[in-house]
Amino acid sequence: MQIFLITFGVFMLVIAAMAIGYIFQKKTISGSCGALGSVGIEKECDCPEPCDNRKKKMAKEEARRKMLEENRII
């Protein structure tokens, strides 16, 4: 049981160290292959004109961003 607890503690320390490193680097998470940017794709949908669903989503995100900017306390 003692070995299990020591091993568990070591794993928790490693996970905490990785989390702290991620927080301080403020770097986006990417896959081991470098994500889509490594193959020249700038966005998920590489269409010249976004579809209707994407336009609605973008409009909703923009409205939320404006609302948060207008109602900012600090």
N, C-alpha and C. Protein backbone atom coordinates (compact mmCIF):
# COMPACT_ATOMS: atom_id res chain seq x y z
N MET A 1 0.83 -1.19 0.00
CA MET A 1 0.00 0.00 0.00
C MET A 1 0.87 1.25 0.00
N GLN A 2 2.01 1.18 0.67
CA GLN A 2 2.90 2.33 0.75
C GLN A 2 3.46 2.68 -0.64
N ILE A 3 3.81 1.67 -1.41
CA ILE A 3 4.33 1.90 -2.76
C ILE A 3 3.26 2.54 -3.64
N PHE A 4 2.02 2.08 -3.50
CA PHE A 4 0.93 2.67 -4.27
C PHE A 4 0.77 4.15 -3.94
N LEU A 5 0.79 4.50 -2.67
CA LEU A 5 0.62 5.90 -2.28
C LEU A 5 1.78 6.76 -2.76
N ILE A 6 3.00 6.24 -2.70
CA ILE A 6 4.16 7.00 -3.19
C ILE A 6 4.05 7.20 -4.70
N THR A 7 3.68 6.15 -5.42
CA THR A 7 3.52 6.25 -6.88
C THR A 7 2.42 7.23 -7.23
N PHE A 8 1.31 7.14 -6.54
CA PHE A 8 0.19 8.05 -6.77
C PHE A 8 0.62 9.49 -6.51
N GLY A 9 1.36 9.73 -5.44
CA GLY A 9 1.85 11.07 -5.12
C GLY A 9 2.77 11.62 -6.20
N VAL A 10 3.64 10.77 -6.71
CA VAL A 10 4.57 11.20 -7.77
C VAL A 10 3.79 11.58 -9.02
N PHE A 11 2.79 10.76 -9.39
CA PHE A 11 1.98 11.09 -10.56
C PHE A 11 1.24 12.41 -10.37
N MET A 12 0.71 12.63 -9.19
CA MET A 12 0.00 13.88 -8.92
C MET A 12 0.94 15.08 -9.01
N LEU A 13 2.17 14.92 -8.54
CA LEU A 13 3.16 16.01 -8.65
C LEU A 13 3.49 16.31 -10.11
N VAL A 14 3.64 15.28 -10.91
CA VAL A 14 3.94 15.47 -12.33
C VAL A 14 2.77 16.16 -13.03
N ILE A 15 1.56 15.73 -12.75
CA ILE A 15 0.38 16.35 -13.36
C ILE A 15 0.27 17.81 -12.93
N ALA A 16 0.50 18.09 -11.66
CA ALA A 16 0.44 19.47 -11.17
C ALA A 16 1.52 20.33 -11.83
N ALA A 17 2.72 19.78 -12.00
CA ALA A 17 3.80 20.53 -12.65
C ALA A 17 3.45 20.84 -14.10
N MET A 18 2.86 19.88 -14.80
CA MET A 18 2.47 20.12 -16.19
C MET A 18 1.37 21.18 -16.26
N ALA A 19 0.42 21.15 -15.34
CA ALA A 19 -0.66 22.13 -15.32
C ALA A 19 -0.12 23.53 -15.05
N ILE A 20 0.79 23.64 -14.12
CA ILE A 20 1.39 24.94 -13.82
C ILE A 20 2.19 25.46 -15.01
N GLY A 21 2.93 24.58 -15.66
CA GLY A 21 3.68 24.98 -16.86
C GLY A 21 2.77 25.46 -17.96
N TYR A 22 1.66 24.77 -18.16
CA TYR A 22 0.69 25.17 -19.19
C TYR A 22 0.09 26.53 -18.86
N ILE A 23 -0.27 26.75 -17.61
CA ILE A 23 -0.88 28.02 -17.19
C ILE A 23 0.07 29.18 -17.42
N PHE A 24 1.33 29.01 -17.07
CA PHE A 24 2.28 30.11 -17.19
C PHE A 24 2.73 30.37 -18.63
N GLN A 25 2.74 29.36 -19.46
CA GLN A 25 3.14 29.56 -20.86
C GLN A 25 2.05 30.21 -21.67
N LYS A 26 0.79 30.05 -21.29
CA LYS A 26 -0.36 30.58 -22.02
C LYS A 26 -0.29 30.19 -23.50
N LYS A 27 0.03 28.97 -23.73
CA LYS A 27 0.19 28.45 -25.07
C LYS A 27 -1.00 27.55 -25.40
N THR A 28 -1.46 27.60 -26.63
CA THR A 28 -2.60 26.77 -27.00
C THR A 28 -2.17 25.31 -27.07
N ILE A 29 -3.10 24.44 -26.76
CA ILE A 29 -2.82 23.01 -26.83
C ILE A 29 -2.90 22.59 -28.28
N SER A 30 -1.92 21.84 -28.73
CA SER A 30 -1.94 21.34 -30.10
C SER A 30 -1.57 19.87 -30.08
N GLY A 31 -1.91 19.18 -31.12
CA GLY A 31 -1.61 17.76 -31.20
C GLY A 31 -0.13 17.51 -31.40
N SER A 32 0.26 16.27 -31.33
CA SER A 32 1.67 15.93 -31.49
C SER A 32 2.17 16.24 -32.89
N CYS A 33 1.26 16.31 -33.86
CA CYS A 33 1.67 16.61 -35.23
C CYS A 33 1.60 18.10 -35.53
N GLY A 34 1.26 18.93 -34.56
CA GLY A 34 1.21 20.37 -34.79
C GLY A 34 -0.15 20.86 -35.23
N ALA A 35 -1.14 20.04 -35.18
CA ALA A 35 -2.52 20.38 -35.50
C ALA A 35 -2.67 20.73 -36.98
N LEU A 36 -3.74 21.42 -37.31
CA LEU A 36 -4.04 21.71 -38.71
C LEU A 36 -3.11 22.74 -39.31
N GLY A 37 -2.51 23.60 -38.48
CA GLY A 37 -1.62 24.63 -38.99
C GLY A 37 -0.40 24.07 -39.69
N SER A 38 0.02 22.88 -39.31
CA SER A 38 1.22 22.30 -39.92
C SER A 38 0.99 21.83 -41.35
N VAL A 39 -0.27 21.64 -41.73
CA VAL A 39 -0.55 21.21 -43.10
C VAL A 39 -1.10 22.34 -43.95
N GLY A 40 -1.07 23.56 -43.43
CA GLY A 40 -1.48 24.72 -44.21
C GLY A 40 -2.94 25.09 -44.11
N ILE A 41 -3.69 24.46 -43.21
CA ILE A 41 -5.11 24.78 -43.05
C ILE A 41 -5.21 25.78 -41.91
N GLU A 42 -5.76 26.96 -42.19
CA GLU A 42 -5.81 28.02 -41.19
C GLU A 42 -7.00 27.90 -40.26
N LYS A 43 -8.05 27.23 -40.69
CA LYS A 43 -9.24 27.10 -39.87
C LYS A 43 -9.85 25.72 -40.09
N GLU A 44 -10.82 25.36 -39.26
CA GLU A 44 -11.44 24.04 -39.35
C GLU A 44 -12.11 23.82 -40.70
N CYS A 45 -12.86 24.80 -41.11
CA CYS A 45 -13.55 24.74 -42.39
C CYS A 45 -12.78 25.64 -43.35
N ASP A 46 -12.16 25.07 -44.34
CA ASP A 46 -11.31 25.83 -45.26
C ASP A 46 -12.10 26.32 -46.48
N CYS A 47 -13.37 26.62 -46.26
CA CYS A 47 -14.23 27.11 -47.35
C CYS A 47 -13.99 28.61 -47.56
N PRO A 48 -14.13 29.11 -48.78
CA PRO A 48 -13.95 30.55 -49.01
C PRO A 48 -15.05 31.37 -48.34
N GLU A 49 -16.26 30.83 -48.27
CA GLU A 49 -17.39 31.52 -47.65
C GLU A 49 -17.98 30.61 -46.58
N PRO A 50 -18.10 31.08 -45.34
CA PRO A 50 -18.65 30.22 -44.28
C PRO A 50 -20.11 29.85 -44.55
N CYS A 51 -20.50 28.67 -44.08
CA CYS A 51 -21.89 28.23 -44.25
C CYS A 51 -22.80 28.99 -43.30
N ASP A 52 -24.11 28.80 -43.45
CA ASP A 52 -25.08 29.53 -42.65
C ASP A 52 -24.92 29.24 -41.16
N ASN A 53 -24.69 27.99 -40.81
CA ASN A 53 -24.51 27.64 -39.40
C ASN A 53 -23.29 28.34 -38.81
N ARG A 54 -22.22 28.38 -39.59
CA ARG A 54 -20.99 29.04 -39.12
C ARG A 54 -21.22 30.54 -38.97
N LYS A 55 -21.95 31.15 -39.91
CA LYS A 55 -22.25 32.58 -39.83
C LYS A 55 -23.06 32.89 -38.57
N LYS A 56 -24.06 32.03 -38.25
CA LYS A 56 -24.86 32.23 -37.04
C LYS A 56 -23.99 32.13 -35.80
N LYS A 57 -23.12 31.15 -35.79
CA LYS A 57 -22.23 30.96 -34.64
C LYS A 57 -21.29 32.16 -34.47
N MET A 58 -20.75 32.65 -35.58
CA MET A 58 -19.85 33.80 -35.52
C MET A 58 -20.59 35.04 -35.05
N ALA A 59 -21.84 35.24 -35.51
CA ALA A 59 -22.63 36.39 -35.09
C ALA A 59 -22.95 36.31 -33.60
N LYS A 60 -23.26 35.11 -33.13
CA LYS A 60 -23.54 34.91 -31.71
C LYS A 60 -22.30 35.21 -30.86
N GLU A 61 -21.14 34.74 -31.31
CA GLU A 61 -19.89 35.00 -30.59
C GLU A 61 -19.57 36.49 -30.57
N GLU A 62 -19.79 37.17 -31.67
CA GLU A 62 -19.54 38.61 -31.75
C GLU A 62 -20.48 39.39 -30.83
N ALA A 63 -21.76 38.99 -30.81
CA ALA A 63 -22.73 39.66 -29.94
C ALA A 63 -22.35 39.45 -28.47
N ARG A 64 -21.90 38.25 -28.14
CA ARG A 64 -21.49 37.97 -26.76
C ARG A 64 -20.26 38.79 -26.38
N ARG A 65 -19.31 38.89 -27.32
CA ARG A 65 -18.09 39.67 -27.07
C ARG A 65 -18.43 41.14 -26.84
N LYS A 66 -19.34 41.69 -27.66
CA LYS A 66 -19.75 43.09 -27.50
C LYS A 66 -20.46 43.31 -26.18
N MET A 67 -21.34 42.36 -25.80
CA MET A 67 -22.07 42.47 -24.55
C MET A 67 -21.11 42.45 -23.37
N LEU A 68 -20.14 41.57 -23.41
CA LEU A 68 -19.16 41.49 -22.32
C LEU A 68 -18.31 42.75 -22.27
N GLU A 69 -17.98 43.31 -23.44
CA GLU A 69 -17.17 44.51 -23.48
C GLU A 69 -17.95 45.71 -22.93
N GLU A 70 -19.22 45.80 -23.25
CA GLU A 70 -20.06 46.91 -22.78
C GLU A 70 -20.34 46.83 -21.29
N ASN A 71 -20.46 45.62 -20.76
CA ASN A 71 -20.81 45.44 -19.36
C ASN A 71 -19.62 45.10 -18.47
N ARG A 72 -18.44 45.41 -18.95
CA ARG A 72 -17.24 45.11 -18.18
C ARG A 72 -17.18 46.01 -16.94
N ILE A 73 -16.83 45.42 -15.82
CA ILE A 73 -16.77 46.16 -14.56
C ILE A 73 -15.42 46.85 -14.43
N ILE A 74 -14.38 46.15 -14.75
CA ILE A 74 -13.03 46.72 -14.60
C ILE A 74 -12.54 47.29 -15.89
